[in-house]
Amino acid sequence: MTALTIRPLVATDRAGWNPLWQGYLTFYKAALPAGTDDVTFARLTGGVEPMGGFVAERDGQLVGIVHWVTHRTTWREADICYLQDLFTAPEARGTGAGRALIEAVRAMAQAKGCFRVYWQTHESNVQAQALYDKVADKSGFIVYRQPLG
């Protein structure tokens, strides 16, 4: 097995990104409105939005993705970074790809002057939590949602 490469997500990654993005959505049993994938990918790779992504690549194949969003916060002058989506292909799990993608977001956020990276996962995602418990602290907060429209 060749070395894993972590690099920024770019517009030419669309064909490799899409199956991983669909795998992520399937895992969370999510269906998005038509056109959302196109808008999301354009936002992640356009360089205008306060968001982006990284990919894990091995042997010319994308085996993992992570997306991030930086935003203002009332807690500090510095921005904060939300690690929004992390997914690795089943064959890449346990190889360090997820950890490397988290580290790429951490390094990027630090370089941008953010004061923290945070993320959430579903309580049933025990495989991811096994990794997250090694690389971060649980905040103790519970997330609530209030749909609009």
C-alpha atoms as a PDB file:
ATOM      1  CA  MET A   1       0.000   0.000   0.000  1.00  0.00           C
ATOM      2  CA  THR A   2       1.367   3.413  -0.943  1.00  0.00           C
ATOM      3  CA  ALA A   3       1.500   6.404   1.307  1.00  0.00           C
ATOM      4  CA  LEU A   4      -1.577   8.446   2.068  1.00  0.00           C
ATOM      5  CA  THR A   5      -1.596  12.027   0.764  1.00  0.00           C
ATOM      6  CA  ILE A   6      -3.720  14.731   2.378  1.00  0.00           C
ATOM      7  CA  ARG A   7      -4.319  17.802   0.246  1.00  0.00           C
ATOM      8  CA  PRO A   8      -6.904  20.539  -0.281  1.00  0.00           C
ATOM      9  CA  LEU A   9     -10.068  19.660  -2.167  1.00  0.00           C
ATOM     10  CA  VAL A  10      -9.992  21.237  -5.647  1.00  0.00           C
ATOM     11  CA  ALA A  11     -12.508  21.616  -8.468  1.00  0.00           C
ATOM     12  CA  THR A  12     -10.991  18.727 -10.456  1.00  0.00           C
ATOM     13  CA  ASP A  13     -11.787  16.333  -7.571  1.00  0.00           C
ATOM     14  CA  ARG A  14     -15.520  16.282  -8.292  1.00  0.00           C
ATOM     15  CA  ALA A  15     -15.611  12.751  -9.744  1.00  0.00           C
ATOM     16  CA  GLY A  16     -13.749  11.310  -6.743  1.00  0.00           C
ATOM     17  CA  TRP A  17     -15.518  13.492  -4.185  1.00  0.00           C
ATOM     18  CA  ASN A  18     -19.047  12.585  -5.235  1.00  0.00           C
ATOM     19  CA  PRO A  19     -19.023   8.878  -4.210  1.00  0.00           C
ATOM     20  CA  LEU A  20     -17.525   9.780  -0.823  1.00  0.00           C
ATOM     21  CA  TRP A  21     -20.070  12.577  -0.326  1.00  0.00           C
ATOM     22  CA  GLN A  22     -22.873  10.186  -1.266  1.00  0.00           C
ATOM     23  CA  GLY A  23     -21.455   7.606   1.155  1.00  0.00           C
ATOM     24  CA  TYR A  24     -21.519  10.213   3.912  1.00  0.00           C
ATOM     25  CA  LEU A  25     -25.121  11.154   3.140  1.00  0.00           C
ATOM     26  CA  THR A  26     -26.137   7.488   2.987  1.00  0.00           C
ATOM     27  CA  PHE A  27     -24.481   6.809   6.343  1.00  0.00           C
ATOM     28  CA  TYR A  28     -26.574   9.570   7.910  1.00  0.00           C
ATOM     29  CA  LYS A  29     -29.694   8.575   5.929  1.00  0.00           C
ATOM     30  CA  ALA A  30     -29.827  12.089   4.464  1.00  0.00           C
ATOM     31  CA  ALA A  31     -31.418  13.167   1.198  1.00  0.00           C
ATOM     32  CA  LEU A  32     -30.661  16.654  -0.075  1.00  0.00           C
ATOM     33  CA  PRO A  33     -32.739  18.776  -2.442  1.00  0.00           C
ATOM     34  CA  ALA A  34     -31.750  18.620  -6.117  1.00  0.00           C
ATOM     35  CA  GLY A  35     -28.817  20.869  -6.919  1.00  0.00           C
ATOM     36  CA  THR A  36     -27.474  21.005  -3.359  1.00  0.00           C
ATOM     37  CA  ASP A  37     -24.476  18.806  -4.213  1.00  0.00           C
ATOM     38  CA  ASP A  38     -23.480  21.221  -6.989  1.00  0.00           C
ATOM     39  CA  VAL A  39     -23.814  24.270  -4.736  1.00  0.00           C
ATOM     40  CA  THR A  40     -21.945  22.555  -1.911  1.00  0.00           C
ATOM     41  CA  PHE A  41     -19.048  21.488  -4.106  1.00  0.00           C
ATOM     42  CA  ALA A  42     -18.798  24.954  -5.672  1.00  0.00           C
ATOM     43  CA  ARG A  43     -18.720  26.549  -2.222  1.00  0.00           C
ATOM     44  CA  LEU A  44     -16.068  24.133  -1.006  1.00  0.00           C
ATOM     45  CA  THR A  45     -13.771  24.690  -3.989  1.00  0.00           C
ATOM     46  CA  GLY A  46     -14.536  28.232  -5.141  1.00  0.00           C
ATOM     47  CA  GLY A  47     -12.193  29.985  -2.734  1.00  0.00           C
ATOM     48  CA  VAL A  48     -14.754  32.690  -1.920  1.00  0.00           C
ATOM     49  CA  GLU A  49     -16.727  31.176   0.954  1.00  0.00           C
ATOM     50  CA  PRO A  50     -15.269  30.732   4.457  1.00  0.00           C
ATOM     51  CA  MET A  51     -15.266  26.999   3.854  1.00  0.00           C
ATOM     52  CA  GLY A  52     -13.283  24.331   2.097  1.00  0.00           C
ATOM     53  CA  GLY A  53     -12.153  20.773   2.348  1.00  0.00           C
ATOM     54  CA  PHE A  54      -9.343  18.280   2.251  1.00  0.00           C
ATOM     55  CA  VAL A  55      -9.095  14.874   0.635  1.00  0.00           C
ATOM     56  CA  ALA A  56      -7.181  11.749   1.538  1.00  0.00           C
ATOM     57  CA  GLU A  57      -5.690  10.176  -1.581  1.00  0.00           C
ATOM     58  CA  ARG A  58      -3.978   6.833  -2.062  1.00  0.00           C
ATOM     59  CA  ASP A  59      -2.840   5.393  -5.397  1.00  0.00           C
ATOM     60  CA  GLY A  60      -4.632   8.178  -7.265  1.00  0.00           C
ATOM     61  CA  GLN A  61      -7.966   7.372  -5.585  1.00  0.00           C
ATOM     62  CA  LEU A  62      -9.767   9.607  -3.118  1.00  0.00           C
ATOM     63  CA  VAL A  63     -10.418   7.546   0.013  1.00  0.00           C
ATOM     64  CA  GLY A  64     -11.579  10.255   2.397  1.00  0.00           C
ATOM     65  CA  ILE A  65     -13.027  13.756   2.612  1.00  0.00           C
ATOM     66  CA  VAL A  66     -13.418  16.407   5.260  1.00  0.00           C
ATOM     67  CA  HIS A  67     -15.181  19.774   5.015  1.00  0.00           C
ATOM     68  CA  TRP A  68     -14.707  22.790   7.243  1.00  0.00           C
ATOM     69  CA  VAL A  69     -16.361  26.142   7.854  1.00  0.00           C
ATOM     70  CA  THR A  70     -14.822  29.057   9.722  1.00  0.00           C
ATOM     71  CA  HIS A  71     -17.100  31.582  11.363  1.00  0.00           C
ATOM     72  CA  ARG A  72     -17.283  34.370  13.909  1.00  0.00           C
ATOM     73  CA  THR A  73     -18.091  33.656  17.522  1.00  0.00           C
ATOM     74  CA  THR A  74     -19.095  35.743  20.508  1.00  0.00           C
ATOM     75  CA  TRP A  75     -16.477  33.994  22.636  1.00  0.00           C
ATOM     76  CA  ARG A  76     -13.319  35.395  21.049  1.00  0.00           C
ATOM     77  CA  GLU A  77     -12.086  37.906  18.506  1.00  0.00           C
ATOM     78  CA  ALA A  78     -10.586  35.040  16.518  1.00  0.00           C
ATOM     79  CA  ASP A  79     -12.762  32.873  14.308  1.00  0.00           C
ATOM     80  CA  ILE A  80     -13.691  29.319  15.200  1.00  0.00           C
ATOM     81  CA  CYS A  81     -13.590  26.350  12.808  1.00  0.00           C
ATOM     82  CA  TYR A  82     -16.373  23.828  12.442  1.00  0.00           C
ATOM     83  CA  LEU A  83     -15.292  20.476  11.024  1.00  0.00           C
ATOM     84  CA  GLN A  84     -18.553  19.748   9.276  1.00  0.00           C
ATOM     85  CA  ASP A  85     -18.292  16.477   7.383  1.00  0.00           C
ATOM     86  CA  LEU A  86     -15.745  13.663   7.692  1.00  0.00           C
ATOM     87  CA  PHE A  87     -16.004  10.439   5.738  1.00  0.00           C
ATOM     88  CA  THR A  88     -13.594   7.714   4.736  1.00  0.00           C
ATOM     89  CA  ALA A  89     -14.273   4.891   2.322  1.00  0.00           C
ATOM     90  CA  PRO A  90     -14.833   1.581   4.132  1.00  0.00           C
ATOM     91  CA  GLU A  91     -11.538   0.174   2.799  1.00  0.00           C
ATOM     92  CA  ALA A  92      -9.644   3.170   4.253  1.00  0.00           C
ATOM     93  CA  ARG A  93     -11.021   2.909   7.772  1.00  0.00           C
ATOM     94  CA  GLY A  94      -8.425   2.083  10.386  1.00  0.00           C
ATOM     95  CA  THR A  95      -5.562   3.258   8.145  1.00  0.00           C
ATOM     96  CA  GLY A  96      -5.112   6.703   9.703  1.00  0.00           C
ATOM     97  CA  ALA A  97      -6.998   8.575   6.980  1.00  0.00           C
ATOM     98  CA  GLY A  98      -9.614  10.019   9.328  1.00  0.00           C
ATOM     99  CA  ARG A  99      -7.019  11.144  11.845  1.00  0.00           C
ATOM    100  CA  ALA A 100      -4.923  12.721   9.080  1.00  0.00           C
ATOM    101  CA  LEU A 101      -7.937  14.605   7.723  1.00  0.00           C
ATOM    102  CA  ILE A 102      -8.762  15.940  11.200  1.00  0.00           C
ATOM    103  CA  GLU A 103      -5.138  17.007  11.589  1.00  0.00           C
ATOM    104  CA  ALA A 104      -5.257  18.837   8.240  1.00  0.00           C
ATOM    105  CA  VAL A 105      -8.269  20.831   9.437  1.00  0.00           C
ATOM    106  CA  ARG A 106      -6.557  21.557  12.752  1.00  0.00           C
ATOM    107  CA  ALA A 107      -3.404  22.813  11.018  1.00  0.00           C
ATOM    108  CA  MET A 108      -5.394  24.942   8.560  1.00  0.00           C
ATOM    109  CA  ALA A 109      -7.489  26.460  11.354  1.00  0.00           C
ATOM    110  CA  GLN A 110      -4.399  27.224  13.391  1.00  0.00           C
ATOM    111  CA  ALA A 111      -2.748  28.865  10.360  1.00  0.00           C
ATOM    112  CA  LYS A 112      -5.882  30.986   9.867  1.00  0.00           C
ATOM    113  CA  GLY A 113      -5.713  32.107  13.495  1.00  0.00           C
ATOM    114  CA  CYS A 114      -8.810  30.242  14.665  1.00  0.00           C
ATOM    115  CA  PHE A 115      -8.926  29.525  18.372  1.00  0.00           C
ATOM    116  CA  ARG A 116     -10.673  26.152  18.213  1.00  0.00           C
ATOM    117  CA  VAL A 117     -11.868  23.356  15.950  1.00  0.00           C
ATOM    118  CA  TYR A 118     -15.089  21.623  16.914  1.00  0.00           C
ATOM    119  CA  TRP A 119     -17.398  19.020  15.438  1.00  0.00           C
ATOM    120  CA  GLN A 120     -20.258  16.720  16.256  1.00  0.00           C
ATOM    121  CA  THR A 121     -21.234  13.177  15.398  1.00  0.00           C
ATOM    122  CA  HIS A 122     -24.295  11.073  15.921  1.00  0.00           C
ATOM    123  CA  GLU A 123     -24.439   9.191  19.210  1.00  0.00           C
ATOM    124  CA  SER A 124     -24.705   5.919  17.280  1.00  0.00           C
ATOM    125  CA  ASN A 125     -21.452   6.515  15.368  1.00  0.00           C
ATOM    126  CA  VAL A 126     -19.299   4.592  17.809  1.00  0.00           C
ATOM    127  CA  GLN A 127     -16.559   3.822  15.287  1.00  0.00           C
ATOM    128  CA  ALA A 128     -15.924   7.529  14.715  1.00  0.00           C
ATOM    129  CA  GLN A 129     -16.141   8.246  18.439  1.00  0.00           C
ATOM    130  CA  ALA A 130     -13.336   5.773  19.082  1.00  0.00           C
ATOM    131  CA  LEU A 131     -11.081   8.044  17.008  1.00  0.00           C
ATOM    132  CA  TYR A 132     -12.531  11.340  18.235  1.00  0.00           C
ATOM    133  CA  ASP A 133     -11.998  10.355  21.861  1.00  0.00           C
ATOM    134  CA  LYS A 134      -8.267  10.034  21.078  1.00  0.00           C
ATOM    135  CA  VAL A 135      -7.834  13.380  19.310  1.00  0.00           C
ATOM    136  CA  ALA A 136     -10.259  15.775  21.033  1.00  0.00           C
ATOM    137  CA  ASP A 137     -12.263  16.408  24.185  1.00  0.00           C
ATOM    138  CA  LYS A 138     -16.030  16.018  24.420  1.00  0.00           C
ATOM    139  CA  SER A 139     -17.647  19.383  25.042  1.00  0.00           C
ATOM    140  CA  GLY A 140     -20.513  18.085  27.138  1.00  0.00           C
ATOM    141  CA  PHE A 141     -23.003  20.084  25.081  1.00  0.00           C
ATOM    142  CA  ILE A 142     -26.130  18.610  23.512  1.00  0.00           C
ATOM    143  CA  VAL A 143     -27.162  19.853  20.062  1.00  0.00           C
ATOM    144  CA  TYR A 144     -30.750  20.949  19.441  1.00  0.00           C
ATOM    145  CA  ARG A 145     -32.290  21.671  16.044  1.00  0.00           C
ATOM    146  CA  GLN A 146     -35.280  23.724  15.072  1.00  0.00           C
ATOM    147  CA  PRO A 147     -36.216  23.270  11.387  1.00  0.00           C
ATOM    148  CA  LEU A 148     -37.383  26.345   9.508  1.00  0.00           C
ATOM    149  CA  GLY A 149     -39.774  26.360   6.567  1.00  0.00           C
END
